[in-house]
Protein backbone atom coordinates (compact mmCIF):
# COMPACT_ATOMS: atom_id res chain seq x y z
CA MET A 1 27.11 6.94 14.46
CA ASN A 2 29.69 6.19 11.81
CA ARG A 3 28.59 6.81 8.25
CA LEU A 4 26.60 3.83 7.09
CA GLU A 5 27.85 1.54 4.35
CA LEU A 6 24.81 1.02 2.16
CA GLY A 7 26.21 0.62 -1.34
CA LEU A 8 24.31 -2.58 -2.12
CA TYR A 9 21.06 -2.92 -0.20
CA VAL A 10 18.96 -6.03 -0.93
CA ILE A 11 15.26 -6.13 -0.05
CA THR A 12 13.69 -9.56 0.32
CA ALA A 13 10.60 -10.78 -1.51
CA SER A 14 8.66 -14.02 -1.25
CA ASP A 15 7.58 -15.88 -4.41
CA PRO A 16 6.13 -19.29 -3.48
CA SER A 17 5.27 -19.99 -7.14
CA ARG A 18 8.99 -20.14 -7.84
CA GLY A 19 9.84 -21.86 -4.58
CA ARG A 20 11.54 -18.78 -3.16
CA GLU A 21 11.09 -17.38 0.30
CA HIS A 22 12.64 -14.52 2.23
CA LEU A 23 15.39 -16.72 3.64
CA ASP A 24 16.44 -17.77 0.14
CA VAL A 25 16.88 -14.14 -0.90
CA ALA A 26 18.64 -13.36 2.37
CA ARG A 27 21.05 -16.26 1.90
CA ALA A 28 21.98 -15.07 -1.59
CA ALA A 29 22.41 -11.49 -0.37
CA LEU A 30 24.75 -12.49 2.44
CA GLU A 31 26.83 -14.84 0.34
CA GLY A 32 27.00 -12.36 -2.52
CA GLY A 33 28.32 -9.53 -0.36
CA ALA A 34 25.40 -7.16 0.22
CA ASP A 35 25.98 -4.28 2.63
CA ALA A 36 22.42 -4.22 3.93
CA LEU A 37 19.45 -6.55 3.93
CA GLN A 38 15.84 -5.56 4.55
CA LEU A 39 13.06 -8.00 5.37
CA ARG A 40 9.97 -6.70 3.58
CA GLU A 41 6.70 -8.57 4.09
CA LYS A 42 3.38 -6.76 3.65
CA ASP A 43 0.89 -9.62 3.71
CA ARG A 44 1.64 -11.70 6.81
CA GLY A 45 0.91 -11.12 10.47
CA ALA A 46 3.38 -10.09 13.13
CA ALA A 47 3.96 -13.64 14.40
CA GLU A 48 4.93 -14.93 10.96
CA ILE A 49 7.10 -11.91 10.18
CA TYR A 50 8.85 -12.36 13.52
CA ARG A 51 9.53 -16.03 12.76
CA VAL A 52 11.10 -15.14 9.43
CA ALA A 53 13.07 -12.29 10.99
CA VAL A 54 14.56 -14.61 13.58
CA GLY A 55 15.56 -16.93 10.75
CA VAL A 56 17.32 -14.08 8.97
CA ARG A 57 19.06 -13.07 12.18
CA GLU A 58 20.32 -16.65 12.61
CA LEU A 59 21.60 -16.70 9.03
CA LEU A 60 23.55 -13.54 9.70
CA GLU A 61 25.07 -14.89 12.88
CA LYS A 62 26.13 -18.14 11.22
CA SER A 63 27.61 -16.37 8.21
CA GLY A 64 29.69 -13.95 10.24
CA SER A 65 28.66 -11.24 7.78
CA LYS A 66 28.71 -7.60 8.81
CA CYS A 67 25.67 -6.97 6.63
CA LEU A 68 23.17 -4.60 8.24
CA PHE A 69 19.77 -6.22 8.92
CA LEU A 70 16.64 -4.08 8.91
CA VAL A 71 12.93 -4.84 9.11
CA ASN A 72 10.48 -2.95 6.93
CA ASP A 73 7.61 -1.12 8.67
CA ARG A 74 7.46 -3.27 11.82
CA LEU A 75 9.31 -1.55 14.64
CA ASP A 76 7.98 -4.14 17.09
CA VAL A 77 9.44 -7.01 15.08
CA ALA A 78 12.75 -5.22 14.62
CA LEU A 79 13.07 -4.76 18.38
CA ALA A 80 11.92 -8.27 19.22
CA CYS A 81 14.20 -10.14 16.82
CA GLY A 82 17.34 -8.13 17.50
CA ALA A 83 17.57 -6.51 14.07
CA ASP A 84 20.04 -3.71 13.46
CA GLY A 85 17.26 -1.32 12.62
CA VAL A 86 13.95 -0.55 10.96
CA HIS A 87 12.89 1.12 7.74
CA LEU A 88 9.69 3.18 7.80
CA GLY A 89 7.48 4.62 5.08
CA GLN A 90 5.65 7.93 5.12
CA GLU A 91 2.47 6.23 6.37
CA ASP A 92 4.21 4.39 9.21
CA LEU A 93 5.13 5.59 12.69
CA PRO A 94 6.70 9.07 12.46
CA ALA A 95 10.48 9.05 12.47
CA ALA A 96 10.74 11.07 15.68
CA ALA A 97 8.49 8.64 17.56
CA ALA A 98 10.42 5.65 16.22
CA ARG A 99 13.74 7.22 17.15
CA ALA A 100 12.55 7.56 20.74
CA LEU A 101 11.68 3.85 20.89
CA LEU A 102 14.74 2.38 19.19
CA ARG A 103 17.57 1.07 21.30
CA GLU A 104 20.84 2.98 21.24
CA GLY A 105 22.81 2.20 18.11
CA MET A 106 19.84 0.95 16.09
CA VAL A 107 19.50 2.31 12.59
CA LEU A 108 16.46 4.24 11.38
CA GLY A 109 15.74 4.44 7.66
CA VAL A 110 12.88 6.47 6.24
CA SER A 111 11.35 6.55 2.76
CA ALA A 112 11.13 9.96 1.08
CA GLY A 113 9.82 11.10 -2.27
CA THR A 114 10.32 14.86 -2.00
CA VAL A 115 12.93 17.25 -0.64
CA GLU A 116 10.48 18.28 2.09
CA GLU A 117 9.94 14.70 3.25
CA ALA A 118 13.67 14.05 3.16
CA LEU A 119 14.55 17.10 5.24
CA ARG A 120 11.84 16.31 7.78
CA ALA A 121 13.01 12.71 8.13
CA GLN A 122 16.59 13.85 8.60
CA GLU A 123 15.55 16.39 11.23
CA GLU A 124 13.56 13.74 13.10
CA GLY A 125 16.49 11.37 13.37
CA ALA A 126 16.69 9.25 10.23
CA ASP A 127 20.12 7.71 9.69
CA TYR A 128 19.54 7.24 5.97
CA LEU A 129 16.82 7.81 3.39
CA GLY A 130 15.28 5.44 0.89
CA VAL A 131 14.32 7.51 -2.15
CA GLY A 132 12.13 6.22 -4.93
CA PRO A 133 10.79 4.80 -7.04
CA VAL A 134 13.47 6.27 -9.28
CA PHE A 135 12.42 4.16 -12.27
CA PRO A 136 9.28 2.11 -13.02
CA THR A 137 9.22 -0.99 -10.84
CA PRO A 138 7.24 -4.25 -10.95
CA SER A 139 7.97 -4.96 -7.29
CA LYS A 140 5.83 -2.16 -5.83
CA PRO A 141 2.69 -1.66 -7.94
CA ASP A 142 1.43 0.94 -5.44
CA ALA A 143 4.65 2.95 -5.45
CA GLY A 144 3.33 5.73 -7.68
CA GLU A 145 4.91 7.46 -10.63
CA PRO A 146 8.70 7.26 -10.91
CA LEU A 147 10.52 10.24 -9.41
CA GLY A 148 13.26 10.29 -12.01
CA LEU A 149 16.91 11.15 -11.65
CA GLU A 150 16.49 14.91 -11.20
CA VAL A 151 14.29 14.54 -8.11
CA LEU A 152 16.78 12.02 -6.75
CA ARG A 153 19.58 14.50 -7.38
CA SER A 154 17.73 17.32 -5.64
CA ILE A 155 17.15 15.20 -2.55
CA CYS A 156 20.77 14.04 -2.45
CA GLU A 157 21.93 17.66 -2.61
CA ALA A 158 19.53 18.77 0.14
CA VAL A 159 20.45 16.28 2.89
CA THR A 160 23.60 15.15 4.67
CA VAL A 161 22.52 11.60 5.58
CA PRO A 162 23.14 8.78 3.07
CA VAL A 163 20.56 8.32 0.32
CA VAL A 164 19.70 4.86 -0.99
CA ALA A 165 17.90 4.91 -4.33
CA VAL A 166 15.19 2.32 -4.90
CA GLY A 167 12.79 1.35 -7.67
CA GLY A 168 13.54 -0.32 -10.98
CA ILE A 169 17.30 -0.28 -10.44
CA ASN A 170 19.44 -2.87 -12.20
CA GLU A 171 22.90 -3.36 -13.69
CA GLY A 172 21.94 -1.33 -16.73
CA ASN A 173 20.95 1.89 -14.97
CA LEU A 174 22.66 1.88 -11.57
CA GLU A 175 25.54 4.05 -12.80
CA LYS A 176 23.11 6.92 -13.44
CA VAL A 177 21.82 6.62 -9.89
CA PHE A 178 25.28 7.02 -8.40
CA GLU A 179 25.99 9.91 -10.76
CA ALA A 180 22.89 11.63 -9.34
CA GLY A 181 24.46 11.50 -5.88
CA ALA A 182 23.01 8.39 -4.25
CA GLY A 183 25.24 6.56 -1.82
CA GLY A 184 23.71 3.20 -2.57
CA ILE A 185 21.06 1.23 -4.42
CA ALA A 186 18.25 -0.90 -3.02
CA VAL A 187 17.03 -3.76 -5.19
CA ILE A 188 14.16 -6.23 -5.03
CA SER A 189 13.34 -7.87 -8.34
CA ALA A 190 16.91 -7.51 -9.66
CA VAL A 191 17.74 -10.26 -7.17
CA SER A 192 14.51 -12.05 -6.20
CA SER A 193 13.41 -12.50 -9.83
CA ALA A 194 16.84 -13.47 -11.16
CA GLN A 195 17.35 -16.98 -12.45
CA ASP A 196 20.41 -17.28 -10.20
CA MET A 197 20.03 -14.97 -7.22
CA LEU A 198 23.56 -15.44 -5.90
CA GLN A 199 25.13 -14.57 -9.23
CA ALA A 200 22.81 -11.58 -9.51
CA VAL A 201 24.01 -10.24 -6.16
CA ARG A 202 27.64 -10.82 -7.12
CA ARG A 203 27.20 -8.96 -10.42
CA LEU A 204 25.51 -6.06 -8.66
CA ARG A 205 28.28 -6.02 -6.07
CA ARG A 206 30.91 -5.69 -8.78
CA ALA A 207 28.93 -3.00 -10.60
CA VAL A 208 28.39 -0.97 -7.42
CA ASP A 209 32.05 -1.19 -6.48
CA SER A 210 33.07 -0.14 -9.98
CA CYS A 211 30.80 2.92 -9.90
CA ARG A 212 32.06 3.98 -6.51
CA ARG A 213 35.70 3.64 -7.54
CA ARG A 214 35.05 5.89 -10.53
CA GLY A 215 33.12 8.33 -8.37
């Protein structure tokens, strides 16, 4: 597989109180130039997640975007909707088992919070790692204590697959994340909680590109 382009990775969130659903976040991500888009839904059943995933897939097809589309946790939904891949946490299906079930060419991302977890995920077939939370984050109250930049750096130095940093990342601190060795940033609230989601994605896109040019 060619090295993945994961510089700006947007994770969807639903906020009915603000009139925002996953498709709204996905639309902003695609129009704003995200490299990857992950559908993350923890509270709905498989049928509802599948319905939303199909909607995201249709948005991608209509836009002509080359943005990578992944489904969080649900390998079954990723396979059924024709997603580009799946992202799994440490409590989900083991990476090796998922790799055996994925169709050829599908992308496997795995969350890691230690060097040991990162190396195991890489050995079992992960194409990239999601490492975090790097900073405190309001989007994942159960994410645990922030890892910090030094743990991120140690993981980046230990593996050869791309590392996407996640957790509390925004325009003000993303440069530090790239300096620590990450190949990309994953954001939730920096987009889904922004007053103007499209402009938020565009600003992040410019900031990511600027960091990578300097790097």
